[in-house]
Each structure stands twice: as C-alpha cells, then as structure tokens.
Amino acid sequence: FLEASMKSRDATPYAVPTSAWRAAHSSTHTIRQKADMISLVAFNVGFNAPVRAPVPQMKAASSEFCYGLPGALPPVGNFDPLNLLKDKSFEQVKTLREAELTHGRVGMLASAGFLVQEKFHPLFSADGGPAIEQIPQLPVFMWFAMTLGIGISEGYRVNLGWSSPTAPDHFFQKLEDDYTPGDLGFDPLGLKPDSEEEFFAMQTKELQNGRLAMLAAAGFLAQEAVSGETWGTYWGVPEL
C-alpha cells in the first residue's frame, strides 16, 4: 500500500511538463534582468555627482597667439614683451589665463573699494586715512571672517577647475580639460551669452576691464604710499 501511494504521488498529473518549466524559468530570468537594470539606472541617477552645464569649449589653435584665447585686440595686439608664452603648452597657457582673470577680478573690487573708502567705511572706525592704516583697526573677528571667506571661495574654485595631482601629465595648478578659465558658474543676472562668438567677446571685455583695474589699484596703492593720504584728501574732494 505504501509503495502504491508513493507511485501515485509521483504520477504524471502532479508533474510539471519540462517545456512549461523552461518557459517559466526564462520569463522569471528576464524579469530579474530588467529589474537589475532599473535598479542600476536609479542608483546612478541618485548618487552620481551633478554634471556642470555645457559651456563653449576652448579650442587650442597653436598657430595663433596665445592659442587663440580671448584678450588680444588692437591697438596692443599680441602683447607679450617678457615672452612668457614661449614653449608653453595650451594647458599651461590656460593656467596663466586663470591667474590673470582672478587677479583682474580682485583688482576691480579693489579699485571700487579705493573709490568708496573715503566716504563709506561701515567696517572701519571712520577715522579716515589710507586703507593700509585702516585695515589694522578692524575687529579681530573680521580678520577671521575675511580669512574664512577667502578660504571657502578659493576652495570652491580649486575643487571646480583644478585637476587631480595624481592625474597623468599633471603640473602645478593644471586645470581640468573641460574647465574654461574663470567660468565658476556664478551668473546671478544671467548675463552669460549662449553663442561662442558672444561669449568670446564678453571674455575679452572682462579681461580688458580687469587689466585696467589692476593698473588702477596699483596706482591707488602707490599714491597712498607716497602721499600718506587717500585720493579724496589728496585731490581736495569736499566732504558730502
């Protein structure tokens, strides 16, 4: 009886046909593959670092002055009296341009600061005098705040545009290949043009204003160092 029961349990009505089993297994395998692909895509979308918006890419033109970068225009033209560009690669010239843009922007801020310090100095004691004499009068916490602000700004700039020191063919302050010198993504007024030609023209304008501002800031510093007076006092500008 027991033997008959076991044979009855293994009878055909309770067995799954081989073809049906293979079809079900194949369908389950396909569903699992699709689920794995969806999970992988979701992981990449959720955890990958954000990608910078595309910008007009700089194209190296070795036959042109400064590899065709903006900034050369009449009447000065190809101005390099110290021959700083000699034997420089395109990547090295990009690093020099990043430094020029950064100094130019600081020069523009410094020039504006020299112009307004005579009449407007909310952070100083309002005693007047050259800026080099007013800065030591700042409260201690302002020194810390300025240092922290500069450190955060520079850290963001380095993290955005500098290549890794472990990257191949690295040199000091080498920039990423897809980084445009000076393009930090800061454009709250939406002034950045979309076309390459307009963007090139705007870069040239910023360079020219920055170069003028560096000369102006140097002039303000020299005037205060020699005369010991601010520009307003030196030129007899009346008080407001």
C-alpha atoms as a PDB file:
ATOM      1  CA  PHE A   1       0.000   0.000   0.000  1.00  0.00           C
ATOM      2  CA  LEU A   2       2.830   2.388   0.926  1.00  0.00           C
ATOM      3  CA  GLU A   3       4.650   1.629  -2.317  1.00  0.00           C
ATOM      4  CA  ALA A   4       1.463   2.235  -4.288  1.00  0.00           C
ATOM      5  CA  SER A   5       0.892   5.564  -2.522  1.00  0.00           C
ATOM      6  CA  MET A   6       4.417   6.782  -3.356  1.00  0.00           C
ATOM      7  CA  LYS A   7       3.969   5.814  -7.000  1.00  0.00           C
ATOM      8  CA  SER A   8       0.631   7.595  -7.033  1.00  0.00           C
ATOM      9  CA  ARG A   9       2.284  10.795  -5.628  1.00  0.00           C
ATOM     10  CA  ASP A  10       4.860  10.771  -8.407  1.00  0.00           C
ATOM     11  CA  ALA A  11       2.259  10.171 -11.080  1.00  0.00           C
ATOM     12  CA  THR A  12       2.043  12.356 -14.191  1.00  0.00           C
ATOM     13  CA  PRO A  13      -0.953  14.564 -13.114  1.00  0.00           C
ATOM     14  CA  TYR A  14       1.271  16.205 -10.419  1.00  0.00           C
ATOM     15  CA  ALA A  15       4.427  16.624 -12.561  1.00  0.00           C
ATOM     16  CA  VAL A  16       5.217  19.899 -14.352  1.00  0.00           C
ATOM     17  CA  PRO A  17       5.954  19.472 -18.065  1.00  0.00           C
ATOM     18  CA  THR A  18       9.580  20.250 -18.978  1.00  0.00           C
ATOM     19  CA  SER A  19       8.678  22.808 -21.656  1.00  0.00           C
ATOM     20  CA  ALA A  20       6.404  24.743 -19.284  1.00  0.00           C
ATOM     21  CA  TRP A  21       9.073  24.786 -16.594  1.00  0.00           C
ATOM     22  CA  ARG A  22      11.664  26.166 -19.035  1.00  0.00           C
ATOM     23  CA  ALA A  23       9.301  28.885 -20.240  1.00  0.00           C
ATOM     24  CA  ALA A  24       8.507  29.975 -16.688  1.00  0.00           C
ATOM     25  CA  HIS A  25      12.199  29.973 -15.751  1.00  0.00           C
ATOM     26  CA  SER A  26      13.109  32.061 -18.818  1.00  0.00           C
ATOM     27  CA  SER A  27      10.365  34.591 -18.060  1.00  0.00           C
ATOM     28  CA  THR A  28      11.479  34.915 -14.433  1.00  0.00           C
ATOM     29  CA  HIS A  29      15.109  35.394 -15.518  1.00  0.00           C
ATOM     30  CA  THR A  30      14.124  38.143 -17.967  1.00  0.00           C
ATOM     31  CA  ILE A  31      12.111  39.974 -15.300  1.00  0.00           C
ATOM     32  CA  ARG A  32      15.060  39.817 -12.902  1.00  0.00           C
ATOM     33  CA  GLN A  33      17.417  41.212 -15.576  1.00  0.00           C
ATOM     34  CA  LYS A  34      15.087  44.175 -16.229  1.00  0.00           C
ATOM     35  CA  ALA A  35      14.719  44.823 -12.503  1.00  0.00           C
ATOM     36  CA  ASP A  36      18.513  44.830 -12.072  1.00  0.00           C
ATOM     37  CA  MET A  37      18.902  47.292 -14.970  1.00  0.00           C
ATOM     38  CA  ILE A  38      16.259  49.630 -13.494  1.00  0.00           C
ATOM     39  CA  SER A  39      17.948  49.482 -10.087  1.00  0.00           C
ATOM     40  CA  LEU A  40      21.346  50.278 -11.628  1.00  0.00           C
ATOM     41  CA  VAL A  41      19.993  53.289 -13.531  1.00  0.00           C
ATOM     42  CA  ALA A  42      18.208  54.581 -10.431  1.00  0.00           C
ATOM     43  CA  PHE A  43      21.411  54.235  -8.407  1.00  0.00           C
ATOM     44  CA  ASN A  44      23.431  56.183 -10.971  1.00  0.00           C
ATOM     45  CA  VAL A  45      20.849  58.950 -11.210  1.00  0.00           C
ATOM     46  CA  GLY A  46      20.550  59.271  -7.457  1.00  0.00           C
ATOM     47  CA  PHE A  47      24.188  59.106  -6.429  1.00  0.00           C
ATOM     48  CA  ASN A  48      26.271  60.393  -9.313  1.00  0.00           C
ATOM     49  CA  ALA A  49      27.766  63.853  -8.817  1.00  0.00           C
ATOM     50  CA  PRO A  50      25.950  66.648 -10.708  1.00  0.00           C
ATOM     51  CA  VAL A  51      27.418  67.488 -14.077  1.00  0.00           C
ATOM     52  CA  ARG A  52      28.259  71.073 -14.938  1.00  0.00           C
ATOM     53  CA  ALA A  53      26.144  72.646 -17.632  1.00  0.00           C
ATOM     54  CA  PRO A  54      27.847  72.578 -21.024  1.00  0.00           C
ATOM     55  CA  VAL A  55      29.880  75.656 -21.838  1.00  0.00           C
ATOM     56  CA  PRO A  56      31.512  76.785 -25.054  1.00  0.00           C
ATOM     57  CA  GLN A  57      34.700  74.728 -25.190  1.00  0.00           C
ATOM     58  CA  MET A  58      38.051  76.377 -25.813  1.00  0.00           C
ATOM     59  CA  LYS A  59      39.791  75.124 -28.911  1.00  0.00           C
ATOM     60  CA  ALA A  60      43.570  75.169 -28.974  1.00  0.00           C
ATOM     61  CA  ALA A  61      44.940  76.853 -32.112  1.00  0.00           C
ATOM     62  CA  SER A  62      48.716  76.524 -31.883  1.00  0.00           C
ATOM     63  CA  SER A  63      49.226  78.768 -34.912  1.00  0.00           C
ATOM     64  CA  GLU A  64      47.501  81.716 -33.216  1.00  0.00           C
ATOM     65  CA  PHE A  65      48.798  83.978 -30.475  1.00  0.00           C
ATOM     66  CA  CYS A  66      48.009  82.602 -27.013  1.00  0.00           C
ATOM     67  CA  TYR A  67      46.414  79.570 -28.705  1.00  0.00           C
ATOM     68  CA  GLY A  68      43.561  81.762 -29.878  1.00  0.00           C
ATOM     69  CA  LEU A  69      42.319  82.585 -26.372  1.00  0.00           C
ATOM     70  CA  PRO A  70      40.449  85.886 -25.899  1.00  0.00           C
ATOM     71  CA  GLY A  71      42.210  89.043 -24.775  1.00  0.00           C
ATOM     72  CA  ALA A  72      44.351  90.035 -27.768  1.00  0.00           C
ATOM     73  CA  LEU A  73      42.937  93.019 -29.654  1.00  0.00           C
ATOM     74  CA  PRO A  74      44.112  96.323 -31.209  1.00  0.00           C
ATOM     75  CA  PRO A  75      45.930  98.554 -30.604  1.00  0.00           C
ATOM     76  CA  VAL A  76      48.115  96.372 -28.345  1.00  0.00           C
ATOM     77  CA  GLY A  77      47.523  93.125 -30.243  1.00  0.00           C
ATOM     78  CA  ASN A  78      49.841  90.214 -29.441  1.00  0.00           C
ATOM     79  CA  PHE A  79      51.319  91.723 -26.284  1.00  0.00           C
ATOM     80  CA  ASP A  80      53.938  89.515 -24.606  1.00  0.00           C
ATOM     81  CA  PRO A  81      57.052  91.665 -24.042  1.00  0.00           C
ATOM     82  CA  LEU A  82      58.528  89.264 -21.472  1.00  0.00           C
ATOM     83  CA  ASN A  83      57.991  86.273 -23.755  1.00  0.00           C
ATOM     84  CA  LEU A  84      56.066  84.404 -21.067  1.00  0.00           C
ATOM     85  CA  LEU A  85      54.295  82.248 -23.639  1.00  0.00           C
ATOM     86  CA  LYS A  86      57.462  80.776 -25.115  1.00  0.00           C
ATOM     87  CA  ASP A  87      57.378  76.959 -25.193  1.00  0.00           C
ATOM     88  CA  LYS A  88      54.149  76.930 -23.162  1.00  0.00           C
ATOM     89  CA  SER A  89      51.554  74.253 -23.856  1.00  0.00           C
ATOM     90  CA  PHE A  90      47.860  75.008 -24.217  1.00  0.00           C
ATOM     91  CA  GLU A  91      47.212  73.652 -20.705  1.00  0.00           C
ATOM     92  CA  GLN A  92      49.913  75.900 -19.227  1.00  0.00           C
ATOM     93  CA  VAL A  93      48.516  78.959 -21.009  1.00  0.00           C
ATOM     94  CA  LYS A  94      45.066  78.142 -19.599  1.00  0.00           C
ATOM     95  CA  THR A  95      46.576  78.171 -16.096  1.00  0.00           C
ATOM     96  CA  LEU A  96      48.143  81.591 -16.745  1.00  0.00           C
ATOM     97  CA  ARG A  97      44.805  82.886 -18.024  1.00  0.00           C
ATOM     98  CA  GLU A  98      43.031  81.645 -14.892  1.00  0.00           C
ATOM     99  CA  ALA A  99      45.551  83.581 -12.779  1.00  0.00           C
ATOM    100  CA  GLU A 100      45.113  86.734 -14.880  1.00  0.00           C
ATOM    101  CA  LEU A 101      41.327  86.587 -14.615  1.00  0.00           C
ATOM    102  CA  THR A 102      41.443  86.050 -10.860  1.00  0.00           C
ATOM    103  CA  HIS A 103      43.836  88.953 -10.290  1.00  0.00           C
ATOM    104  CA  GLY A 104      41.769  91.135 -12.617  1.00  0.00           C
ATOM    105  CA  ARG A 105      38.595  90.464 -10.649  1.00  0.00           C
ATOM    106  CA  VAL A 106      40.348  91.241  -7.377  1.00  0.00           C
ATOM    107  CA  GLY A 107      41.700  94.407  -8.992  1.00  0.00           C
ATOM    108  CA  MET A 108      38.204  95.523  -9.991  1.00  0.00           C
ATOM    109  CA  LEU A 109      36.936  95.015  -6.438  1.00  0.00           C
ATOM    110  CA  ALA A 110      39.994  96.772  -5.006  1.00  0.00           C
ATOM    111  CA  SER A 111      39.592  99.762  -7.326  1.00  0.00           C
ATOM    112  CA  ALA A 112      35.945 100.134  -6.346  1.00  0.00           C
ATOM    113  CA  GLY A 113      36.986  99.854  -2.699  1.00  0.00           C
ATOM    114  CA  PHE A 114      39.529 102.638  -3.039  1.00  0.00           C
ATOM    115  CA  LEU A 115      36.914 104.885  -4.630  1.00  0.00           C
ATOM    116  CA  VAL A 116      34.305 104.445  -1.904  1.00  0.00           C
ATOM    117  CA  GLN A 117      36.517 104.201   1.191  1.00  0.00           C
ATOM    118  CA  GLU A 118      36.746 107.979   1.558  1.00  0.00           C
ATOM    119  CA  LYS A 119      33.011 108.384   2.135  1.00  0.00           C
ATOM    120  CA  PHE A 120      31.765 104.919   3.047  1.00  0.00           C
ATOM    121  CA  HIS A 121      33.500 102.623   5.517  1.00  0.00           C
ATOM    122  CA  PRO A 122      30.991 100.594   7.581  1.00  0.00           C
ATOM    123  CA  LEU A 123      33.651  98.133   8.749  1.00  0.00           C
ATOM    124  CA  PHE A 124      36.227 100.693   9.830  1.00  0.00           C
ATOM    125  CA  SER A 125      36.364 103.215  12.641  1.00  0.00           C
ATOM    126  CA  ALA A 126      35.713 106.117  10.242  1.00  0.00           C
ATOM    127  CA  ASP A 127      38.978 107.783  11.272  1.00  0.00           C
ATOM    128  CA  GLY A 128      39.948 108.151   7.633  1.00  0.00           C
ATOM    129  CA  GLY A 129      43.413 107.742   6.224  1.00  0.00           C
ATOM    130  CA  PRO A 130      44.932 105.261   3.779  1.00  0.00           C
ATOM    131  CA  ALA A 131      43.477 101.777   3.610  1.00  0.00           C
ATOM    132  CA  ILE A 132      46.738 100.227   4.783  1.00  0.00           C
ATOM    133  CA  GLU A 133      46.278 102.137   8.042  1.00  0.00           C
ATOM    134  CA  GLN A 134      42.575 101.372   8.396  1.00  0.00           C
ATOM    135  CA  ILE A 135      42.751  97.592   7.987  1.00  0.00           C
ATOM    136  CA  PRO A 136      44.615  97.011  11.318  1.00  0.00           C
ATOM    137  CA  GLN A 137      41.732  98.779  13.058  1.00  0.00           C
ATOM    138  CA  LEU A 138      39.302  96.017  12.131  1.00  0.00           C
ATOM    139  CA  PRO A 139      37.905  93.884  14.979  1.00  0.00           C
ATOM    140  CA  VAL A 140      39.580  90.517  15.430  1.00  0.00           C
ATOM    141  CA  PHE A 141      36.511  88.581  14.312  1.00  0.00           C
ATOM    142  CA  MET A 142      36.601  90.422  10.963  1.00  0.00           C
ATOM    143  CA  TRP A 143      40.081  89.081  10.296  1.00  0.00           C
ATOM    144  CA  PHE A 144      38.778  85.572  10.939  1.00  0.00           C
ATOM    145  CA  ALA A 145      35.689  86.174   8.784  1.00  0.00           C
ATOM    146  CA  MET A 146      37.767  87.512   5.880  1.00  0.00           C
ATOM    147  CA  THR A 147      40.189  84.595   6.061  1.00  0.00           C
ATOM    148  CA  LEU A 148      37.338  82.102   6.191  1.00  0.00           C
ATOM    149  CA  GLY A 149      35.535  83.744   3.276  1.00  0.00           C
ATOM    150  CA  ILE A 150      38.654  83.770   1.109  1.00  0.00           C
ATOM    151  CA  GLY A 151      39.404  80.157   2.009  1.00  0.00           C
ATOM    152  CA  ILE A 152      35.899  78.980   1.086  1.00  0.00           C
ATOM    153  CA  SER A 153      35.961  80.876  -2.211  1.00  0.00           C
ATOM    154  CA  GLU A 154      39.370  79.552  -3.204  1.00  0.00           C
ATOM    155  CA  GLY A 155      38.478  76.034  -2.101  1.00  0.00           C
ATOM    156  CA  TYR A 156      35.395  76.094  -4.317  1.00  0.00           C
ATOM    157  CA  ARG A 157      37.411  77.379  -7.282  1.00  0.00           C
ATOM    158  CA  VAL A 158      40.098  74.731  -6.871  1.00  0.00           C
ATOM    159  CA  ASN A 159      37.552  71.943  -6.461  1.00  0.00           C
ATOM    160  CA  LEU A 160      35.692  73.063  -9.582  1.00  0.00           C
ATOM    161  CA  GLY A 161      38.502  73.608 -12.046  1.00  0.00           C
ATOM    162  CA  TRP A 162      41.769  72.058 -10.819  1.00  0.00           C
ATOM    163  CA  SER A 163      42.823  68.614 -11.985  1.00  0.00           C
ATOM    164  CA  SER A 164      43.859  65.908  -9.546  1.00  0.00           C
ATOM    165  CA  PRO A 165      47.580  65.825  -8.636  1.00  0.00           C
ATOM    166  CA  THR A 166      47.512  62.099  -9.387  1.00  0.00           C
ATOM    167  CA  ALA A 167      46.225  62.605 -12.944  1.00  0.00           C
ATOM    168  CA  PRO A 168      48.580  61.803 -15.856  1.00  0.00           C
ATOM    169  CA  ASP A 169      50.806  64.652 -17.118  1.00  0.00           C
ATOM    170  CA  HIS A 170      49.899  66.772 -14.106  1.00  0.00           C
ATOM    171  CA  PHE A 171      51.732  70.012 -13.343  1.00  0.00           C
ATOM    172  CA  PHE A 172      51.263  72.658 -10.666  1.00  0.00           C
ATOM    173  CA  GLN A 173      47.777  74.236 -10.881  1.00  0.00           C
ATOM    174  CA  LYS A 174      46.825  72.335 -14.022  1.00  0.00           C
ATOM    175  CA  LEU A 175      43.165  72.816 -14.937  1.00  0.00           C
ATOM    176  CA  GLU A 176      40.594  70.245 -15.982  1.00  0.00           C
ATOM    177  CA  ASP A 177      40.257  69.768 -19.724  1.00  0.00           C
ATOM    178  CA  ASP A 178      36.561  70.731 -19.700  1.00  0.00           C
ATOM    179  CA  TYR A 179      37.050  73.786 -17.461  1.00  0.00           C
ATOM    180  CA  THR A 180      37.007  77.241 -19.031  1.00  0.00           C
ATOM    181  CA  PRO A 181      39.289  79.657 -17.119  1.00  0.00           C
ATOM    182  CA  GLY A 182      37.208  81.952 -14.945  1.00  0.00           C
ATOM    183  CA  ASP A 183      33.909  80.146 -15.502  1.00  0.00           C
ATOM    184  CA  LEU A 184      32.826  79.351 -11.942  1.00  0.00           C
ATOM    185  CA  GLY A 185      29.138  79.038 -12.740  1.00  0.00           C
ATOM    186  CA  PHE A 186      28.379  82.330 -10.937  1.00  0.00           C
ATOM    187  CA  ASP A 187      25.924  84.280 -13.090  1.00  0.00           C
ATOM    188  CA  PRO A 188      23.038  85.510 -10.904  1.00  0.00           C
ATOM    189  CA  LEU A 189      21.903  88.056 -13.518  1.00  0.00           C
ATOM    190  CA  GLY A 190      22.022  85.636 -16.438  1.00  0.00           C
ATOM    191  CA  LEU A 191      24.475  87.739 -18.442  1.00  0.00           C
ATOM    192  CA  LYS A 192      26.421  84.839 -19.941  1.00  0.00           C
ATOM    193  CA  PRO A 193      25.636  84.525 -23.664  1.00  0.00           C
ATOM    194  CA  ASP A 194      24.887  81.214 -25.340  1.00  0.00           C
ATOM    195  CA  SER A 195      26.831  81.617 -28.573  1.00  0.00           C
ATOM    196  CA  GLU A 196      30.598  81.116 -28.715  1.00  0.00           C
ATOM    197  CA  GLU A 197      31.174  84.434 -30.509  1.00  0.00           C
ATOM    198  CA  GLU A 198      29.324  86.490 -27.891  1.00  0.00           C
ATOM    199  CA  PHE A 199      30.949  84.552 -25.062  1.00  0.00           C
ATOM    200  CA  PHE A 200      34.385  85.208 -26.589  1.00  0.00           C
ATOM    201  CA  ALA A 201      33.624  88.947 -26.806  1.00  0.00           C
ATOM    202  CA  MET A 202      32.442  89.066 -23.176  1.00  0.00           C
ATOM    203  CA  GLN A 203      35.593  87.270 -22.021  1.00  0.00           C
ATOM    204  CA  THR A 204      37.697  89.895 -23.814  1.00  0.00           C
ATOM    205  CA  LYS A 205      35.743  92.730 -22.178  1.00  0.00           C
ATOM    206  CA  GLU A 206      36.247  91.238 -18.716  1.00  0.00           C
ATOM    207  CA  LEU A 207      39.967  90.784 -19.365  1.00  0.00           C
ATOM    208  CA  GLN A 208      40.345  94.377 -20.525  1.00  0.00           C
ATOM    209  CA  ASN A 209      38.470  95.773 -17.531  1.00  0.00           C
ATOM    210  CA  GLY A 210      40.452  93.536 -15.180  1.00  0.00           C
ATOM    211  CA  ARG A 211      43.775  94.653 -16.665  1.00  0.00           C
ATOM    212  CA  LEU A 212      42.794  98.304 -16.290  1.00  0.00           C
ATOM    213  CA  ALA A 213      41.621  97.672 -12.721  1.00  0.00           C
ATOM    214  CA  MET A 214      44.946  96.067 -11.767  1.00  0.00           C
ATOM    215  CA  LEU A 215      46.789  99.156 -13.007  1.00  0.00           C
ATOM    216  CA  ALA A 216      44.288 101.404 -11.188  1.00  0.00           C
ATOM    217  CA  ALA A 217      44.643  99.522  -7.900  1.00  0.00           C
ATOM    218  CA  ALA A 218      48.430  99.699  -8.182  1.00  0.00           C
ATOM    219  CA  GLY A 219      48.107 103.459  -8.774  1.00  0.00           C
ATOM    220  CA  PHE A 220      45.915 103.906  -5.696  1.00  0.00           C
ATOM    221  CA  LEU A 221      48.395 101.953  -3.587  1.00  0.00           C
ATOM    222  CA  ALA A 222      51.348 103.955  -4.873  1.00  0.00           C
ATOM    223  CA  GLN A 223      49.568 107.281  -4.334  1.00  0.00           C
ATOM    224  CA  GLU A 224      48.653 106.417  -0.744  1.00  0.00           C
ATOM    225  CA  ALA A 225      52.149 105.080  -0.001  1.00  0.00           C
ATOM    226  CA  VAL A 226      53.814 108.243  -1.282  1.00  0.00           C
ATOM    227  CA  SER A 227      51.407 110.902  -0.020  1.00  0.00           C
ATOM    228  CA  GLY A 228      50.079 109.173   3.085  1.00  0.00           C
ATOM    229  CA  GLU A 229      46.598 110.414   2.141  1.00  0.00           C
ATOM    230  CA  THR A 230      43.554 108.943   0.469  1.00  0.00           C
ATOM    231  CA  TRP A 231      42.675 110.039  -3.058  1.00  0.00           C
ATOM    232  CA  GLY A 232      39.844 112.261  -1.803  1.00  0.00           C
ATOM    233  CA  THR A 233      42.027 114.127   0.670  1.00  0.00           C
ATOM    234  CA  TYR A 234      44.916 114.378  -1.783  1.00  0.00           C
ATOM    235  CA  TRP A 235      42.768 115.878  -4.530  1.00  0.00           C
ATOM    236  CA  GLY A 236      40.708 118.038  -2.175  1.00  0.00           C
ATOM    237  CA  VAL A 237      37.365 116.315  -2.721  1.00  0.00           C
ATOM    238  CA  PRO A 238      34.880 118.052  -0.401  1.00  0.00           C
ATOM    239  CA  GLU A 239      33.035 116.091   2.267  1.00  0.00           C
ATOM    240  CA  LEU A 240      29.473 115.055   1.444  1.00  0.00           C
END
